[in-house]
Amino acid sequence: MNPFPGPDRPAEPNRLLVRYLAGQVSLEVAAAEYAQLWIEWLQAGELRSSPALGNATDVDNLSEADAKKTHALLQRVTSILEDYETKKGAREYLSSAGNSEFDQAVRRLADDVKATLGEQQVAVVWRFAAHARTLDIEDASSMRDRCVEDVQQYFQDTFVDTTWPACSRHPNHPLDFADGTWQCPRDRAPIARLGELGSPS
């Protein structure tokens, strides 16, 4: 997310950044207000990328301490927006989930996530299931594979678990998913079918 993306920037984020850097509002308050502005602009269709927190001259003039504070603010805003997107996607998916082949696979993937990462991460599955439905993929197996790939990539990229799901034979690398089965990428040995990662072997 670029906090300083251009000349036609709304005034609110600029004032918010100034108040935050001056110590008038806390990190949590500033991040929540900034994320709320971003969400409101998105919902109104007025925004295609993140709103500005300042401008290029602000960056040049930031002290090292203020640059660190700004970085911390952006990280927190990103976290809040990720949570918002996850909850939004989860609501979209769950409101129309049925018993199709794809929906059954999504529930099995959710079982794997719950068994290995905990209940709090299951909404990520629903988020990417909603996204998979928007893609031009007709085959249920291909849609399932895309959803699994997106969920796995998300957990690794966001450092929830960089080896998710970890191979039980070599815990320093993640499993691959192919043909409905989690497999060791080194020797292609099948480890568990989708939905059975938490089952005793």
N, C-alpha and C. Protein backbone atom coordinates (compact mmCIF):
# COMPACT_ATOMS: atom_id res chain seq x y z
N MET A 1 0.85 -1.18 0.00
CA MET A 1 0.00 0.00 0.00
C MET A 1 0.89 1.23 0.00
N ASN A 2 0.67 2.11 -0.95
CA ASN A 2 1.44 3.35 -1.04
C ASN A 2 0.70 4.45 -0.30
N PRO A 3 1.28 5.00 0.78
CA PRO A 3 0.56 6.01 1.55
C PRO A 3 0.58 7.38 0.91
N PHE A 4 1.37 7.57 -0.12
CA PHE A 4 1.54 8.89 -0.72
C PHE A 4 1.33 8.83 -2.24
N PRO A 5 0.15 8.43 -2.72
CA PRO A 5 0.02 8.12 -4.13
C PRO A 5 -0.33 9.25 -5.08
N GLY A 6 -0.42 10.48 -4.71
CA GLY A 6 -0.69 11.43 -5.78
C GLY A 6 -1.21 12.77 -5.32
N PRO A 7 -1.42 13.67 -6.27
CA PRO A 7 -1.75 15.04 -5.94
C PRO A 7 -3.17 15.27 -5.45
N ASP A 8 -4.16 14.53 -5.99
CA ASP A 8 -5.55 14.79 -5.58
C ASP A 8 -5.90 13.91 -4.40
N ARG A 9 -5.35 14.27 -3.24
CA ARG A 9 -5.52 13.47 -2.04
C ARG A 9 -6.55 14.13 -1.11
N PRO A 10 -7.41 13.34 -0.48
CA PRO A 10 -8.38 13.91 0.45
C PRO A 10 -7.69 14.56 1.64
N ALA A 11 -8.35 15.56 2.21
CA ALA A 11 -7.75 16.29 3.33
C ALA A 11 -7.75 15.47 4.61
N GLU A 12 -8.78 14.64 4.81
CA GLU A 12 -8.90 13.92 6.09
C GLU A 12 -7.67 13.07 6.42
N PRO A 13 -7.15 12.26 5.48
CA PRO A 13 -5.98 11.45 5.83
C PRO A 13 -4.77 12.29 6.17
N ASN A 14 -4.61 13.43 5.49
CA ASN A 14 -3.47 14.30 5.80
C ASN A 14 -3.56 14.83 7.23
N ARG A 15 -4.75 15.31 7.61
CA ARG A 15 -4.94 15.82 8.98
C ARG A 15 -4.75 14.70 10.00
N LEU A 16 -5.23 13.52 9.66
CA LEU A 16 -5.09 12.38 10.56
C LEU A 16 -3.63 12.03 10.78
N LEU A 17 -2.85 12.03 9.70
CA LEU A 17 -1.43 11.73 9.83
C LEU A 17 -0.73 12.77 10.70
N VAL A 18 -1.06 14.03 10.51
CA VAL A 18 -0.44 15.10 11.31
C VAL A 18 -0.78 14.91 12.79
N ARG A 19 -2.06 14.63 13.08
CA ARG A 19 -2.46 14.42 14.48
C ARG A 19 -1.75 13.21 15.09
N TYR A 20 -1.63 12.15 14.31
CA TYR A 20 -0.97 10.93 14.80
C TYR A 20 0.52 11.19 15.08
N LEU A 21 1.20 11.83 14.13
CA LEU A 21 2.63 12.09 14.32
C LEU A 21 2.88 13.06 15.46
N ALA A 22 1.91 13.94 15.73
CA ALA A 22 2.05 14.89 16.84
C ALA A 22 1.71 14.25 18.19
N GLY A 23 1.27 13.00 18.16
CA GLY A 23 0.94 12.31 19.41
C GLY A 23 -0.44 12.64 19.94
N GLN A 24 -1.28 13.25 19.11
CA GLN A 24 -2.62 13.63 19.56
C GLN A 24 -3.60 12.44 19.52
N VAL A 25 -3.29 11.45 18.70
CA VAL A 25 -4.09 10.22 18.67
C VAL A 25 -3.16 9.03 18.67
N SER A 26 -3.62 7.93 19.23
CA SER A 26 -2.80 6.73 19.32
C SER A 26 -2.73 6.01 17.98
N LEU A 27 -1.83 5.06 17.89
CA LEU A 27 -1.70 4.22 16.70
C LEU A 27 -3.02 3.53 16.38
N GLU A 28 -3.65 2.93 17.39
CA GLU A 28 -4.89 2.19 17.16
C GLU A 28 -6.02 3.10 16.68
N VAL A 29 -6.13 4.27 17.28
CA VAL A 29 -7.18 5.21 16.89
C VAL A 29 -6.94 5.70 15.46
N ALA A 30 -5.71 6.09 15.16
CA ALA A 30 -5.38 6.59 13.82
C ALA A 30 -5.62 5.50 12.77
N ALA A 31 -5.18 4.28 13.06
CA ALA A 31 -5.34 3.18 12.11
C ALA A 31 -6.81 2.87 11.87
N ALA A 32 -7.59 2.86 12.94
CA ALA A 32 -9.02 2.57 12.81
C ALA A 32 -9.73 3.66 11.99
N GLU A 33 -9.39 4.93 12.25
CA GLU A 33 -10.01 6.04 11.51
C GLU A 33 -9.61 6.00 10.03
N TYR A 34 -8.33 5.77 9.77
CA TYR A 34 -7.85 5.73 8.40
C TYR A 34 -8.49 4.56 7.64
N ALA A 35 -8.54 3.39 8.27
CA ALA A 35 -9.15 2.21 7.63
C ALA A 35 -10.63 2.47 7.36
N GLN A 36 -11.31 3.13 8.28
CA GLN A 36 -12.73 3.43 8.09
C GLN A 36 -12.94 4.36 6.89
N LEU A 37 -12.08 5.36 6.75
CA LEU A 37 -12.16 6.25 5.58
C LEU A 37 -11.98 5.45 4.30
N TRP A 38 -11.00 4.59 4.30
CA TRP A 38 -10.69 3.78 3.12
C TRP A 38 -11.89 2.91 2.76
N ILE A 39 -12.50 2.27 3.76
CA ILE A 39 -13.66 1.39 3.53
C ILE A 39 -14.85 2.20 3.00
N GLU A 40 -15.09 3.37 3.58
CA GLU A 40 -16.20 4.22 3.12
C GLU A 40 -16.01 4.65 1.67
N TRP A 41 -14.80 5.02 1.31
CA TRP A 41 -14.54 5.43 -0.07
C TRP A 41 -14.69 4.25 -1.02
N LEU A 42 -14.25 3.07 -0.60
CA LEU A 42 -14.42 1.88 -1.42
C LEU A 42 -15.90 1.58 -1.64
N GLN A 43 -16.67 1.62 -0.57
CA GLN A 43 -18.10 1.32 -0.66
C GLN A 43 -18.83 2.32 -1.54
N ALA A 44 -18.35 3.56 -1.54
CA ALA A 44 -18.98 4.60 -2.36
C ALA A 44 -18.49 4.56 -3.81
N GLY A 45 -17.55 3.68 -4.09
CA GLY A 45 -17.01 3.57 -5.44
C GLY A 45 -16.11 4.73 -5.82
N GLU A 46 -15.60 5.44 -4.82
CA GLU A 46 -14.78 6.62 -5.08
C GLU A 46 -13.29 6.32 -5.03
N LEU A 47 -12.95 5.06 -4.82
CA LEU A 47 -11.55 4.75 -4.59
C LEU A 47 -11.20 3.44 -5.25
N ARG A 48 -10.10 3.42 -5.98
CA ARG A 48 -9.63 2.18 -6.60
C ARG A 48 -8.32 1.71 -5.97
N SER A 49 -7.67 2.58 -5.21
CA SER A 49 -6.46 2.21 -4.49
C SER A 49 -6.49 2.93 -3.15
N SER A 50 -5.47 2.71 -2.34
CA SER A 50 -5.51 3.27 -0.99
C SER A 50 -5.43 4.79 -1.00
N PRO A 51 -6.19 5.46 -0.11
CA PRO A 51 -6.12 6.91 -0.01
C PRO A 51 -4.79 7.35 0.59
N ALA A 52 -4.45 8.59 0.36
CA ALA A 52 -3.16 9.10 0.83
C ALA A 52 -3.17 9.38 2.32
N LEU A 53 -2.01 9.20 2.92
CA LEU A 53 -1.81 9.65 4.30
C LEU A 53 -1.03 10.97 4.29
N GLY A 54 -0.50 11.35 3.18
CA GLY A 54 0.30 12.55 3.09
C GLY A 54 0.73 12.73 1.65
N ASN A 55 1.82 13.45 1.41
CA ASN A 55 2.30 13.60 0.04
C ASN A 55 3.81 13.42 -0.01
N ALA A 56 4.34 13.50 -1.22
CA ALA A 56 5.76 13.20 -1.40
C ALA A 56 6.66 14.12 -0.57
N THR A 57 6.29 15.40 -0.46
CA THR A 57 7.12 16.29 0.32
C THR A 57 7.08 15.92 1.80
N ASP A 58 5.93 15.39 2.24
CA ASP A 58 5.86 14.92 3.63
C ASP A 58 6.90 13.83 3.87
N VAL A 59 7.04 12.90 2.90
CA VAL A 59 7.99 11.80 3.05
C VAL A 59 9.40 12.34 3.16
N ASP A 60 9.75 13.30 2.28
CA ASP A 60 11.09 13.86 2.29
C ASP A 60 11.41 14.53 3.62
N ASN A 61 10.39 15.10 4.24
CA ASN A 61 10.63 15.87 5.45
C ASN A 61 10.41 15.09 6.74
N LEU A 62 10.06 13.83 6.65
CA LEU A 62 9.83 13.06 7.86
C LEU A 62 11.14 12.76 8.57
N SER A 63 11.11 12.91 9.89
CA SER A 63 12.27 12.49 10.68
C SER A 63 12.29 10.96 10.71
N GLU A 64 13.39 10.41 11.15
CA GLU A 64 13.49 8.95 11.22
C GLU A 64 12.41 8.39 12.15
N ALA A 65 12.16 9.08 13.27
CA ALA A 65 11.14 8.63 14.22
C ALA A 65 9.75 8.66 13.59
N ASP A 66 9.45 9.76 12.85
CA ASP A 66 8.15 9.86 12.20
C ASP A 66 7.98 8.85 11.08
N ALA A 67 9.08 8.57 10.37
CA ALA A 67 9.02 7.56 9.31
C ALA A 67 8.69 6.19 9.91
N LYS A 68 9.27 5.89 11.05
CA LYS A 68 8.98 4.62 11.73
C LYS A 68 7.52 4.57 12.20
N LYS A 69 7.05 5.70 12.74
CA LYS A 69 5.65 5.76 13.18
C LYS A 69 4.70 5.60 12.00
N THR A 70 5.04 6.21 10.87
CA THR A 70 4.19 6.11 9.68
C THR A 70 4.17 4.67 9.17
N HIS A 71 5.32 4.03 9.19
CA HIS A 71 5.39 2.63 8.77
C HIS A 71 4.53 1.76 9.68
N ALA A 72 4.60 1.99 10.98
CA ALA A 72 3.79 1.22 11.93
C ALA A 72 2.30 1.45 11.68
N LEU A 73 1.94 2.68 11.36
CA LEU A 73 0.55 3.00 11.06
C LEU A 73 0.08 2.24 9.82
N LEU A 74 0.89 2.25 8.78
CA LEU A 74 0.52 1.55 7.55
C LEU A 74 0.38 0.06 7.77
N GLN A 75 1.26 -0.52 8.57
CA GLN A 75 1.15 -1.95 8.86
C GLN A 75 -0.16 -2.25 9.59
N ARG A 76 -0.52 -1.41 10.54
CA ARG A 76 -1.75 -1.64 11.30
C ARG A 76 -2.98 -1.43 10.42
N VAL A 77 -2.96 -0.41 9.57
CA VAL A 77 -4.07 -0.18 8.66
C VAL A 77 -4.23 -1.38 7.72
N THR A 78 -3.13 -1.87 7.19
CA THR A 78 -3.17 -3.04 6.31
C THR A 78 -3.80 -4.23 7.01
N SER A 79 -3.45 -4.43 8.27
CA SER A 79 -4.00 -5.54 9.04
C SER A 79 -5.52 -5.38 9.22
N ILE A 80 -5.95 -4.18 9.53
CA ILE A 80 -7.39 -3.92 9.70
C ILE A 80 -8.13 -4.15 8.39
N LEU A 81 -7.56 -3.68 7.29
CA LEU A 81 -8.21 -3.84 5.99
C LEU A 81 -8.24 -5.30 5.54
N GLU A 82 -7.19 -6.05 5.85
CA GLU A 82 -7.18 -7.48 5.55
C GLU A 82 -8.31 -8.18 6.32
N ASP A 83 -8.47 -7.82 7.58
CA ASP A 83 -9.52 -8.40 8.40
C ASP A 83 -10.90 -8.05 7.83
N TYR A 84 -11.05 -6.81 7.40
CA TYR A 84 -12.31 -6.37 6.79
C TYR A 84 -12.61 -7.18 5.53
N GLU A 85 -11.62 -7.33 4.65
CA GLU A 85 -11.81 -8.09 3.41
C GLU A 85 -12.14 -9.55 3.70
N THR A 86 -11.50 -10.10 4.71
CA THR A 86 -11.77 -11.50 5.07
C THR A 86 -13.20 -11.66 5.56
N LYS A 87 -13.64 -10.79 6.45
CA LYS A 87 -15.01 -10.88 6.96
C LYS A 87 -16.04 -10.64 5.87
N LYS A 88 -15.76 -9.68 4.99
CA LYS A 88 -16.67 -9.39 3.89
C LYS A 88 -16.79 -10.60 2.96
N GLY A 89 -15.66 -11.18 2.57
CA GLY A 89 -15.67 -12.35 1.70
C GLY A 89 -16.35 -13.54 2.35
N ALA A 90 -16.10 -13.71 3.65
CA ALA A 90 -16.73 -14.82 4.37
C ALA A 90 -18.24 -14.68 4.38
N ARG A 91 -18.72 -13.47 4.64
CA ARG A 91 -20.18 -13.24 4.62
C ARG A 91 -20.76 -13.54 3.23
N GLU A 92 -20.08 -13.07 2.19
CA GLU A 92 -20.56 -13.30 0.83
C GLU A 92 -20.66 -14.79 0.52
N TYR A 93 -19.62 -15.53 0.89
CA TYR A 93 -19.63 -16.96 0.58
C TYR A 93 -20.68 -17.70 1.39
N LEU A 94 -20.69 -17.47 2.70
CA LEU A 94 -21.59 -18.22 3.57
C LEU A 94 -23.06 -17.92 3.30
N SER A 95 -23.35 -16.75 2.77
CA SER A 95 -24.74 -16.41 2.49
C SER A 95 -25.31 -17.22 1.33
N SER A 96 -24.44 -17.81 0.53
CA SER A 96 -24.94 -18.57 -0.63
C SER A 96 -24.34 -19.97 -0.74
N ALA A 97 -23.61 -20.41 0.27
CA ALA A 97 -22.99 -21.74 0.21
C ALA A 97 -24.06 -22.82 0.17
N GLY A 98 -23.82 -23.80 -0.65
CA GLY A 98 -24.78 -24.91 -0.78
C GLY A 98 -24.11 -26.24 -0.55
N ASN A 99 -24.46 -27.19 -1.37
CA ASN A 99 -23.89 -28.53 -1.21
C ASN A 99 -23.28 -29.02 -2.52
N SER A 100 -22.81 -28.08 -3.34
CA SER A 100 -22.18 -28.45 -4.60
C SER A 100 -20.85 -29.16 -4.32
N GLU A 101 -20.28 -29.71 -5.35
CA GLU A 101 -18.97 -30.37 -5.20
C GLU A 101 -17.94 -29.37 -4.69
N PHE A 102 -17.98 -28.15 -5.21
CA PHE A 102 -17.06 -27.11 -4.76
C PHE A 102 -17.29 -26.77 -3.29
N ASP A 103 -18.55 -26.59 -2.89
CA ASP A 103 -18.85 -26.24 -1.50
C ASP A 103 -18.42 -27.34 -0.54
N GLN A 104 -18.58 -28.58 -0.93
CA GLN A 104 -18.12 -29.69 -0.09
C GLN A 104 -16.60 -29.64 0.08
N ALA A 105 -15.88 -29.36 -1.02
CA ALA A 105 -14.43 -29.26 -0.94
C ALA A 105 -14.01 -28.09 -0.05
N VAL A 106 -14.73 -26.98 -0.15
CA VAL A 106 -14.42 -25.81 0.68
C VAL A 106 -14.58 -26.16 2.16
N ARG A 107 -15.61 -26.89 2.49
CA ARG A 107 -15.81 -27.29 3.90
C ARG A 107 -14.67 -28.21 4.37
N ARG A 108 -14.20 -29.08 3.48
CA ARG A 108 -13.07 -29.95 3.86
C ARG A 108 -11.79 -29.13 4.05
N LEU A 109 -11.60 -28.13 3.19
CA LEU A 109 -10.45 -27.24 3.36
C LEU A 109 -10.56 -26.49 4.69
N ALA A 110 -11.75 -26.03 5.02
CA ALA A 110 -11.97 -25.35 6.30
C ALA A 110 -11.64 -26.27 7.47
N ASP A 111 -11.97 -27.56 7.33
CA ASP A 111 -11.63 -28.53 8.39
C ASP A 111 -10.11 -28.63 8.55
N ASP A 112 -9.39 -28.62 7.43
CA ASP A 112 -7.92 -28.68 7.51
C ASP A 112 -7.35 -27.45 8.19
N VAL A 113 -7.88 -26.29 7.84
CA VAL A 113 -7.40 -25.04 8.45
C VAL A 113 -7.71 -25.03 9.94
N LYS A 114 -8.92 -25.41 10.30
CA LYS A 114 -9.30 -25.44 11.71
C LYS A 114 -8.41 -26.39 12.50
N ALA A 115 -8.12 -27.57 11.94
CA ALA A 115 -7.32 -28.58 12.64
C ALA A 115 -5.86 -28.16 12.80
N THR A 116 -5.35 -27.37 11.86
CA THR A 116 -3.93 -27.04 11.90
C THR A 116 -3.63 -25.62 12.39
N LEU A 117 -4.54 -24.68 12.15
CA LEU A 117 -4.28 -23.28 12.52
C LEU A 117 -5.28 -22.71 13.51
N GLY A 118 -6.39 -23.41 13.69
CA GLY A 118 -7.39 -22.94 14.65
C GLY A 118 -8.59 -22.31 13.99
N GLU A 119 -9.67 -22.28 14.74
CA GLU A 119 -10.96 -21.75 14.28
C GLU A 119 -10.87 -20.31 13.77
N GLN A 120 -9.99 -19.51 14.39
CA GLN A 120 -9.92 -18.09 14.04
C GLN A 120 -9.46 -17.85 12.60
N GLN A 121 -8.87 -18.85 11.97
CA GLN A 121 -8.38 -18.68 10.59
C GLN A 121 -9.35 -19.21 9.53
N VAL A 122 -10.44 -19.83 9.94
CA VAL A 122 -11.37 -20.45 8.99
C VAL A 122 -12.02 -19.43 8.06
N ALA A 123 -12.26 -18.23 8.54
CA ALA A 123 -12.89 -17.20 7.69
C ALA A 123 -12.07 -16.92 6.44
N VAL A 124 -10.76 -17.15 6.51
CA VAL A 124 -9.91 -16.96 5.33
C VAL A 124 -10.35 -17.90 4.21
N VAL A 125 -10.74 -19.12 4.58
CA VAL A 125 -11.21 -20.09 3.58
C VAL A 125 -12.47 -19.56 2.90
N TRP A 126 -13.41 -19.06 3.69
CA TRP A 126 -14.66 -18.55 3.12
C TRP A 126 -14.36 -17.36 2.20
N ARG A 127 -13.42 -16.51 2.61
CA ARG A 127 -13.05 -15.34 1.79
C ARG A 127 -12.57 -15.78 0.40
N PHE A 128 -11.67 -16.75 0.36
CA PHE A 128 -11.12 -17.15 -0.94
C PHE A 128 -12.07 -18.05 -1.72
N ALA A 129 -13.00 -18.69 -1.02
CA ALA A 129 -14.04 -19.43 -1.73
C ALA A 129 -14.95 -18.45 -2.46
N ALA A 130 -15.26 -17.34 -1.82
CA ALA A 130 -16.07 -16.31 -2.49
C ALA A 130 -15.34 -15.77 -3.71
N HIS A 131 -14.04 -15.56 -3.57
CA HIS A 131 -13.25 -15.07 -4.70
C HIS A 131 -13.22 -16.09 -5.84
N ALA A 132 -13.03 -17.36 -5.51
CA ALA A 132 -12.97 -18.39 -6.54
C ALA A 132 -14.25 -18.43 -7.36
N ARG A 133 -15.36 -18.17 -6.70
CA ARG A 133 -16.65 -18.17 -7.41
C ARG A 133 -16.75 -17.04 -8.44
N THR A 134 -15.99 -15.98 -8.26
CA THR A 134 -16.06 -14.86 -9.20
C THR A 134 -15.20 -15.09 -10.43
N LEU A 135 -14.36 -16.11 -10.40
CA LEU A 135 -13.45 -16.36 -11.51
C LEU A 135 -14.16 -17.15 -12.61
N ASP A 136 -13.62 -17.07 -13.79
CA ASP A 136 -14.21 -17.76 -14.94
C ASP A 136 -13.68 -19.20 -14.98
N ILE A 137 -14.08 -19.98 -13.96
CA ILE A 137 -13.66 -21.38 -13.86
C ILE A 137 -14.93 -22.23 -13.78
N GLU A 138 -15.13 -23.07 -14.75
CA GLU A 138 -16.36 -23.87 -14.79
C GLU A 138 -16.22 -25.19 -14.05
N ASP A 139 -15.04 -25.77 -14.08
CA ASP A 139 -14.82 -27.09 -13.49
C ASP A 139 -14.66 -26.97 -11.97
N ALA A 140 -15.44 -27.76 -11.23
CA ALA A 140 -15.43 -27.68 -9.75
C ALA A 140 -14.06 -28.04 -9.18
N SER A 141 -13.38 -29.01 -9.78
CA SER A 141 -12.05 -29.40 -9.28
C SER A 141 -11.04 -28.28 -9.46
N SER A 142 -11.11 -27.62 -10.60
CA SER A 142 -10.18 -26.50 -10.85
C SER A 142 -10.47 -25.34 -9.91
N MET A 143 -11.76 -25.09 -9.64
CA MET A 143 -12.13 -24.03 -8.71
C MET A 143 -11.65 -24.38 -7.30
N ARG A 144 -11.81 -25.65 -6.93
CA ARG A 144 -11.31 -26.11 -5.62
C ARG A 144 -9.81 -25.91 -5.53
N ASP A 145 -9.08 -26.32 -6.57
CA ASP A 145 -7.62 -26.19 -6.55
C ASP A 145 -7.19 -24.74 -6.43
N ARG A 146 -7.90 -23.84 -7.11
CA ARG A 146 -7.58 -22.41 -7.03
C ARG A 146 -7.81 -21.89 -5.62
N CYS A 147 -8.90 -22.29 -5.00
CA CYS A 147 -9.20 -21.85 -3.64
C CYS A 147 -8.14 -22.36 -2.67
N VAL A 148 -7.76 -23.63 -2.78
CA VAL A 148 -6.73 -24.20 -1.91
C VAL A 148 -5.42 -23.44 -2.09
N GLU A 149 -5.06 -23.19 -3.35
CA GLU A 149 -3.82 -22.47 -3.65
C GLU A 149 -3.83 -21.07 -3.05
N ASP A 150 -4.95 -20.36 -3.19
CA ASP A 150 -5.05 -18.99 -2.66
C ASP A 150 -4.96 -18.97 -1.14
N VAL A 151 -5.64 -19.91 -0.50
CA VAL A 151 -5.60 -19.98 0.98
C VAL A 151 -4.19 -20.29 1.45
N GLN A 152 -3.56 -21.26 0.83
CA GLN A 152 -2.20 -21.63 1.21
C GLN A 152 -1.25 -20.46 1.02
N GLN A 153 -1.36 -19.78 -0.11
CA GLN A 153 -0.49 -18.64 -0.40
C GLN A 153 -0.71 -17.51 0.61
N TYR A 154 -1.98 -17.28 0.97
CA TYR A 154 -2.29 -16.23 1.94
C TYR A 154 -1.61 -16.50 3.28
N PHE A 155 -1.74 -17.72 3.79
CA PHE A 155 -1.14 -18.03 5.09
C PHE A 155 0.38 -17.91 5.05
N GLN A 156 0.97 -18.27 3.94
CA GLN A 156 2.42 -18.17 3.83
C GLN A 156 2.86 -16.72 3.65
N ASP A 157 2.17 -15.97 2.78
CA ASP A 157 2.57 -14.59 2.51
C ASP A 157 2.36 -13.66 3.70
N THR A 158 1.34 -13.93 4.50
CA THR A 158 1.06 -13.07 5.65
C THR A 158 1.74 -13.57 6.93
N PHE A 159 2.57 -14.60 6.78
CA PHE A 159 3.35 -15.15 7.89
C PHE A 159 2.50 -15.73 9.01
N VAL A 160 1.27 -16.10 8.68
CA VAL A 160 0.47 -16.85 9.65
C VAL A 160 1.18 -18.18 9.91
N ASP A 161 1.63 -18.80 8.82
CA ASP A 161 2.43 -20.03 8.89
C ASP A 161 3.10 -20.19 7.54
N THR A 162 4.41 -19.96 7.48
CA THR A 162 5.12 -19.95 6.20
C THR A 162 5.31 -21.35 5.61
N THR A 163 4.98 -22.38 6.35
CA THR A 163 5.07 -23.74 5.80
C THR A 163 3.72 -24.45 5.86
N TRP A 164 2.63 -23.66 5.80
CA TRP A 164 1.30 -24.29 5.89
C TRP A 164 0.91 -24.93 4.57
N PRO A 165 0.34 -26.14 4.67
CA PRO A 165 0.42 -27.03 5.84
C PRO A 165 1.75 -27.76 5.84
N ALA A 166 2.34 -27.88 7.01
CA ALA A 166 3.67 -28.48 7.11
C ALA A 166 3.63 -29.97 6.80
N CYS A 167 4.65 -30.42 6.13
CA CYS A 167 4.78 -31.84 5.80
C CYS A 167 5.10 -32.61 7.08
N SER A 168 4.38 -33.68 7.31
CA SER A 168 4.62 -34.48 8.52
C SER A 168 5.90 -35.31 8.40
N ARG A 169 6.38 -35.48 7.17
CA ARG A 169 7.61 -36.25 6.96
C ARG A 169 8.84 -35.36 7.04
N HIS A 170 8.71 -34.11 6.59
CA HIS A 170 9.80 -33.13 6.61
C HIS A 170 9.19 -31.79 7.00
N PRO A 171 9.10 -31.48 8.29
CA PRO A 171 8.36 -30.29 8.75
C PRO A 171 8.92 -28.94 8.32
N ASN A 172 10.02 -28.93 7.55
CA ASN A 172 10.59 -27.65 7.14
C ASN A 172 10.03 -27.17 5.80
N HIS A 173 9.06 -27.86 5.24
CA HIS A 173 8.46 -27.39 3.99
C HIS A 173 6.96 -27.69 3.98
N PRO A 174 6.20 -26.93 3.18
CA PRO A 174 4.76 -27.18 3.11
C PRO A 174 4.44 -28.35 2.18
N LEU A 175 3.25 -28.85 2.34
CA LEU A 175 2.73 -29.88 1.43
C LEU A 175 2.26 -29.24 0.13
N ASP A 176 2.23 -30.03 -0.90
CA ASP A 176 1.59 -29.63 -2.16
C ASP A 176 0.19 -30.22 -2.18
N PHE A 177 -0.69 -29.59 -2.95
CA PHE A 177 -2.04 -30.13 -3.10
C PHE A 177 -2.25 -30.53 -4.55
N ALA A 178 -2.60 -31.80 -4.78
CA ALA A 178 -2.84 -32.28 -6.14
C ALA A 178 -3.83 -33.43 -6.10
N ASP A 179 -4.76 -33.41 -7.04
CA ASP A 179 -5.75 -34.50 -7.17
C ASP A 179 -6.52 -34.75 -5.87
N GLY A 180 -6.82 -33.69 -5.14
CA GLY A 180 -7.62 -33.82 -3.93
C GLY A 180 -6.85 -34.31 -2.72
N THR A 181 -5.52 -34.34 -2.82
CA THR A 181 -4.69 -34.90 -1.75
C THR A 181 -3.52 -33.99 -1.42
N TRP A 182 -3.23 -33.87 -0.13
CA TRP A 182 -2.02 -33.19 0.31
C TRP A 182 -0.86 -34.17 0.14
N GLN A 183 0.21 -33.72 -0.52
CA GLN A 183 1.33 -34.61 -0.84
C GLN A 183 2.65 -33.97 -0.46
N CYS A 184 3.62 -34.82 -0.14
CA CYS A 184 4.98 -34.34 0.10
C CYS A 184 5.59 -33.96 -1.24
N PRO A 185 6.10 -32.75 -1.40
CA PRO A 185 6.66 -32.35 -2.69
C PRO A 185 7.98 -33.03 -3.03
N ARG A 186 8.65 -33.59 -2.02
CA ARG A 186 9.95 -34.24 -2.28
C ARG A 186 9.78 -35.59 -2.96
N ASP A 187 8.88 -36.40 -2.40
CA ASP A 187 8.76 -37.77 -2.94
C ASP A 187 7.36 -38.09 -3.46
N ARG A 188 6.48 -37.05 -3.48
CA ARG A 188 5.10 -37.20 -3.96
C ARG A 188 4.28 -38.17 -3.12
N ALA A 189 4.75 -38.50 -1.94
CA ALA A 189 3.99 -39.42 -1.08
C ALA A 189 2.72 -38.73 -0.60
N PRO A 190 1.55 -39.41 -0.70
CA PRO A 190 0.31 -38.81 -0.19
C PRO A 190 0.34 -38.77 1.34
N ILE A 191 -0.04 -37.63 1.89
CA ILE A 191 -0.04 -37.46 3.35
C ILE A 191 -1.46 -37.53 3.90
N ALA A 192 -2.39 -36.82 3.26
CA ALA A 192 -3.79 -36.84 3.73
C ALA A 192 -4.68 -36.33 2.61
N ARG A 193 -5.91 -36.84 2.60
CA ARG A 193 -6.89 -36.30 1.67
C ARG A 193 -7.36 -34.95 2.21
N LEU A 194 -7.90 -34.14 1.32
CA LEU A 194 -8.42 -32.85 1.73
C LEU A 194 -9.46 -33.05 2.83
N GLY A 195 -9.32 -32.30 3.92
CA GLY A 195 -10.24 -32.41 5.04
C GLY A 195 -9.77 -33.36 6.13
N GLU A 196 -8.63 -34.01 5.92
CA GLU A 196 -8.17 -35.02 6.88
C GLU A 196 -6.80 -34.71 7.48
N LEU A 197 -6.35 -33.47 7.39
CA LEU A 197 -5.04 -33.13 7.94
C LEU A 197 -4.98 -33.32 9.46
N GLY A 198 -6.10 -33.12 10.12
CA GLY A 198 -6.10 -33.27 11.58
C GLY A 198 -6.38 -34.67 12.05
N SER A 199 -6.61 -35.59 11.12
CA SER A 199 -6.94 -36.97 11.50
C SER A 199 -5.67 -37.72 11.86
N PRO A 200 -5.77 -38.65 12.84
CA PRO A 200 -4.59 -39.45 13.20
C PRO A 200 -4.17 -40.28 11.99
N SER A 201 -2.85 -40.39 11.77
CA SER A 201 -2.36 -41.16 10.62
C SER A 201 -2.18 -42.63 10.95
